[in-house]
C-alpha atoms as a PDB file:
ATOM      1  CA  MET A   1      79.714 -29.883   5.047  1.00  0.00           C
ATOM      2  CA  ASN A   2      80.361 -28.766   1.350  1.00  0.00           C
ATOM      3  CA  ILE A   3      81.114 -25.025   1.331  1.00  0.00           C
ATOM      4  CA  GLU A   4      80.538 -24.862  -2.542  1.00  0.00           C
ATOM      5  CA  LYS A   5      77.130 -26.338  -2.265  1.00  0.00           C
ATOM      6  CA  ILE A   6      76.131 -24.031   0.568  1.00  0.00           C
ATOM      7  CA  THR A   7      77.354 -20.906  -1.200  1.00  0.00           C
ATOM      8  CA  LEU A   8      75.501 -22.275  -4.296  1.00  0.00           C
ATOM      9  CA  VAL A   9      72.189 -22.797  -2.459  1.00  0.00           C
ATOM     10  CA  GLN A  10      72.434 -19.343  -0.582  1.00  0.00           C
ATOM     11  CA  GLN A  11      72.959 -17.620  -3.958  1.00  0.00           C
ATOM     12  CA  ALA A  12      69.909 -19.472  -5.384  1.00  0.00           C
ATOM     13  CA  ILE A  13      67.774 -18.523  -2.390  1.00  0.00           C
ATOM     14  CA  VAL A  14      68.619 -14.825  -2.843  1.00  0.00           C
ATOM     15  CA  ASN A  15      67.785 -15.012  -6.539  1.00  0.00           C
ATOM     16  CA  PHE A  16      64.613 -16.811  -5.851  1.00  0.00           C
ATOM     17  CA  LEU A  17      63.600 -14.223  -3.306  1.00  0.00           C
ATOM     18  CA  GLU A  18      64.527 -11.284  -5.682  1.00  0.00           C
ATOM     19  CA  ASN A  19      62.634 -12.858  -8.501  1.00  0.00           C
ATOM     20  CA  ASN A  20      59.401 -13.357  -6.341  1.00  0.00           C
ATOM     21  CA  GLN A  21      59.278 -10.020  -4.605  1.00  0.00           C
ATOM     22  CA  GLY A  22      55.743  -9.429  -3.616  1.00  0.00           C
ATOM     23  CA  ASN A  23      54.712 -13.033  -3.662  1.00  0.00           C
ATOM     24  CA  GLU A  24      54.146 -14.916  -0.516  1.00  0.00           C
ATOM     25  CA  VAL A  25      56.827 -17.598  -0.136  1.00  0.00           C
ATOM     26  CA  TYR A  26      56.429 -20.823   1.714  1.00  0.00           C
ATOM     27  CA  THR A  27      58.740 -23.690   2.510  1.00  0.00           C
ATOM     28  CA  ASN A  28      57.941 -27.304   2.818  1.00  0.00           C
ATOM     29  CA  LEU A  29      60.016 -30.086   4.277  1.00  0.00           C
ATOM     30  CA  CYS A  30      60.327 -33.452   2.855  1.00  0.00           C
ATOM     31  CA  SER A  31      61.025 -36.701   4.562  1.00  0.00           C
ATOM     32  CA  CYS A  32      64.111 -36.934   2.541  1.00  0.00           C
ATOM     33  CA  GLY A  33      65.539 -34.054   4.248  1.00  0.00           C
ATOM     34  CA  ALA A  34      64.979 -31.712   1.354  1.00  0.00           C
ATOM     35  CA  VAL A  35      63.320 -28.131   1.631  1.00  0.00           C
ATOM     36  CA  THR A  36      61.148 -26.833  -1.276  1.00  0.00           C
ATOM     37  CA  MET A  37      60.661 -23.052  -1.501  1.00  0.00           C
ATOM     38  CA  SER A  38      57.566 -22.094  -3.630  1.00  0.00           C
ATOM     39  CA  THR A  39      55.253 -19.040  -3.964  1.00  0.00           C
ATOM     40  CA  TYR A  40      51.493 -18.623  -4.091  1.00  0.00           C
ATOM     41  CA  GLY A  41      51.881 -16.222  -6.921  1.00  0.00           C
ATOM     42  CA  SER A  42      53.662 -18.401  -9.403  1.00  0.00           C
ATOM     43  CA  SER A  43      54.844 -21.852 -10.105  1.00  0.00           C
ATOM     44  CA  ASP A  44      58.440 -20.957  -9.483  1.00  0.00           C
ATOM     45  CA  GLU A  45      60.216 -23.234  -6.789  1.00  0.00           C
ATOM     46  CA  ILE A  46      63.649 -24.373  -5.757  1.00  0.00           C
ATOM     47  CA  SER A  47      64.528 -27.532  -3.815  1.00  0.00           C
ATOM     48  CA  PHE A  48      67.747 -28.221  -1.752  1.00  0.00           C
ATOM     49  CA  SER A  49      69.078 -30.359   0.863  1.00  0.00           C
ATOM     50  CA  GLN A  50      68.367 -28.881   4.377  1.00  0.00           C
ATOM     51  CA  GLU A  51      71.988 -29.388   5.407  1.00  0.00           C
ATOM     52  CA  ASN A  52      72.956 -26.998   2.664  1.00  0.00           C
ATOM     53  CA  ALA A  53      70.687 -24.274   4.222  1.00  0.00           C
ATOM     54  CA  PRO A  54      70.040 -24.979   7.989  1.00  0.00           C
ATOM     55  CA  PHE A  55      68.888 -21.360   8.343  1.00  0.00           C
ATOM     56  CA  ILE A  56      65.626 -22.124   6.245  1.00  0.00           C
ATOM     57  CA  LYS A  57      62.901 -23.528   8.292  1.00  0.00           C
ATOM     58  CA  ALA A  58      59.470 -25.053   7.103  1.00  0.00           C
ATOM     59  CA  THR A  59      56.570 -22.638   7.197  1.00  0.00           C
ATOM     60  CA  ASN A  60      54.206 -25.424   8.143  1.00  0.00           C
ATOM     61  CA  ASP A  61      54.039 -28.565  10.338  1.00  0.00           C
ATOM     62  CA  MET A  62      53.382 -31.007   7.421  1.00  0.00           C
ATOM     63  CA  ILE A  63      56.209 -33.239   6.127  1.00  0.00           C
ATOM     64  CA  MET A  64      55.835 -34.232   2.476  1.00  0.00           C
ATOM     65  CA  CYS A  65      56.404 -37.772   1.525  1.00  0.00           C
ATOM     66  CA  ASN A  66      58.114 -36.913  -1.750  1.00  0.00           C
ATOM     67  CA  CYS A  67      59.530 -33.973  -3.657  1.00  0.00           C
ATOM     68  CA  ASN A  68      61.409 -33.001  -6.701  1.00  0.00           C
ATOM     69  CA  HIS A  69      64.756 -33.464  -4.944  1.00  0.00           C
ATOM     70  CA  CYS A  70      64.205 -37.116  -3.953  1.00  0.00           C
ATOM     71  CA  CYS A  71      61.700 -38.288  -6.654  1.00  0.00           C
ATOM     72  CA  ASN A  72      63.203 -36.558  -9.659  1.00  0.00           C
ATOM     73  CA  GLY A  73      66.841 -35.899  -8.606  1.00  0.00           C
ATOM     74  CA  TRP A  74      66.159 -32.277  -9.041  1.00  0.00           C
ATOM     75  CA  GLY A  75      67.504 -29.504  -6.838  1.00  0.00           C
ATOM     76  CA  VAL A  76      69.854 -26.637  -6.636  1.00  0.00           C
ATOM     77  CA  ASP A  77      72.572 -28.652  -4.916  1.00  0.00           C
ATOM     78  CA  VAL A  78      72.247 -31.828  -7.008  1.00  0.00           C
ATOM     79  CA  ASP A  79      75.287 -32.503  -9.137  1.00  0.00           C
ATOM     80  CA  GLU A  80      74.487 -33.690 -12.756  1.00  0.00           C
ATOM     81  CA  GLU A  81      77.334 -36.178 -12.422  1.00  0.00           C
ATOM     82  CA  ASP A  82      75.925 -37.554  -9.293  1.00  0.00           C
ATOM     83  CA  ASP A  83      72.620 -37.967 -10.958  1.00  0.00           C
ATOM     84  CA  GLU A  84      74.206 -39.764 -13.861  1.00  0.00           C
ATOM     85  CA  GLU A  85      76.002 -42.125 -11.563  1.00  0.00           C
ATOM     86  CA  ASP A  86      72.693 -43.169 -10.053  1.00  0.00           C
ATOM     87  CA  LEU A  87      71.426 -44.287 -13.460  1.00  0.00           C
END
């Protein structure tokens, strides 16, 4: 468990919720283990590994087959250095 990543994800969640007050927020779980938080009121979203925020649960029973976290290497807890190593 990486405390720095957990703290980073928690702060990103707080910022996301503050920026989207008044909008309905929903979460989706991907088969890769990432969670994506989105809103119905805007196109704003964040993604992160569920292990870095185990207190966030999906708001629906559907599991996505792909997401920005696994397909595009994009997410709050994805290090740019890790991404460059994968290339």
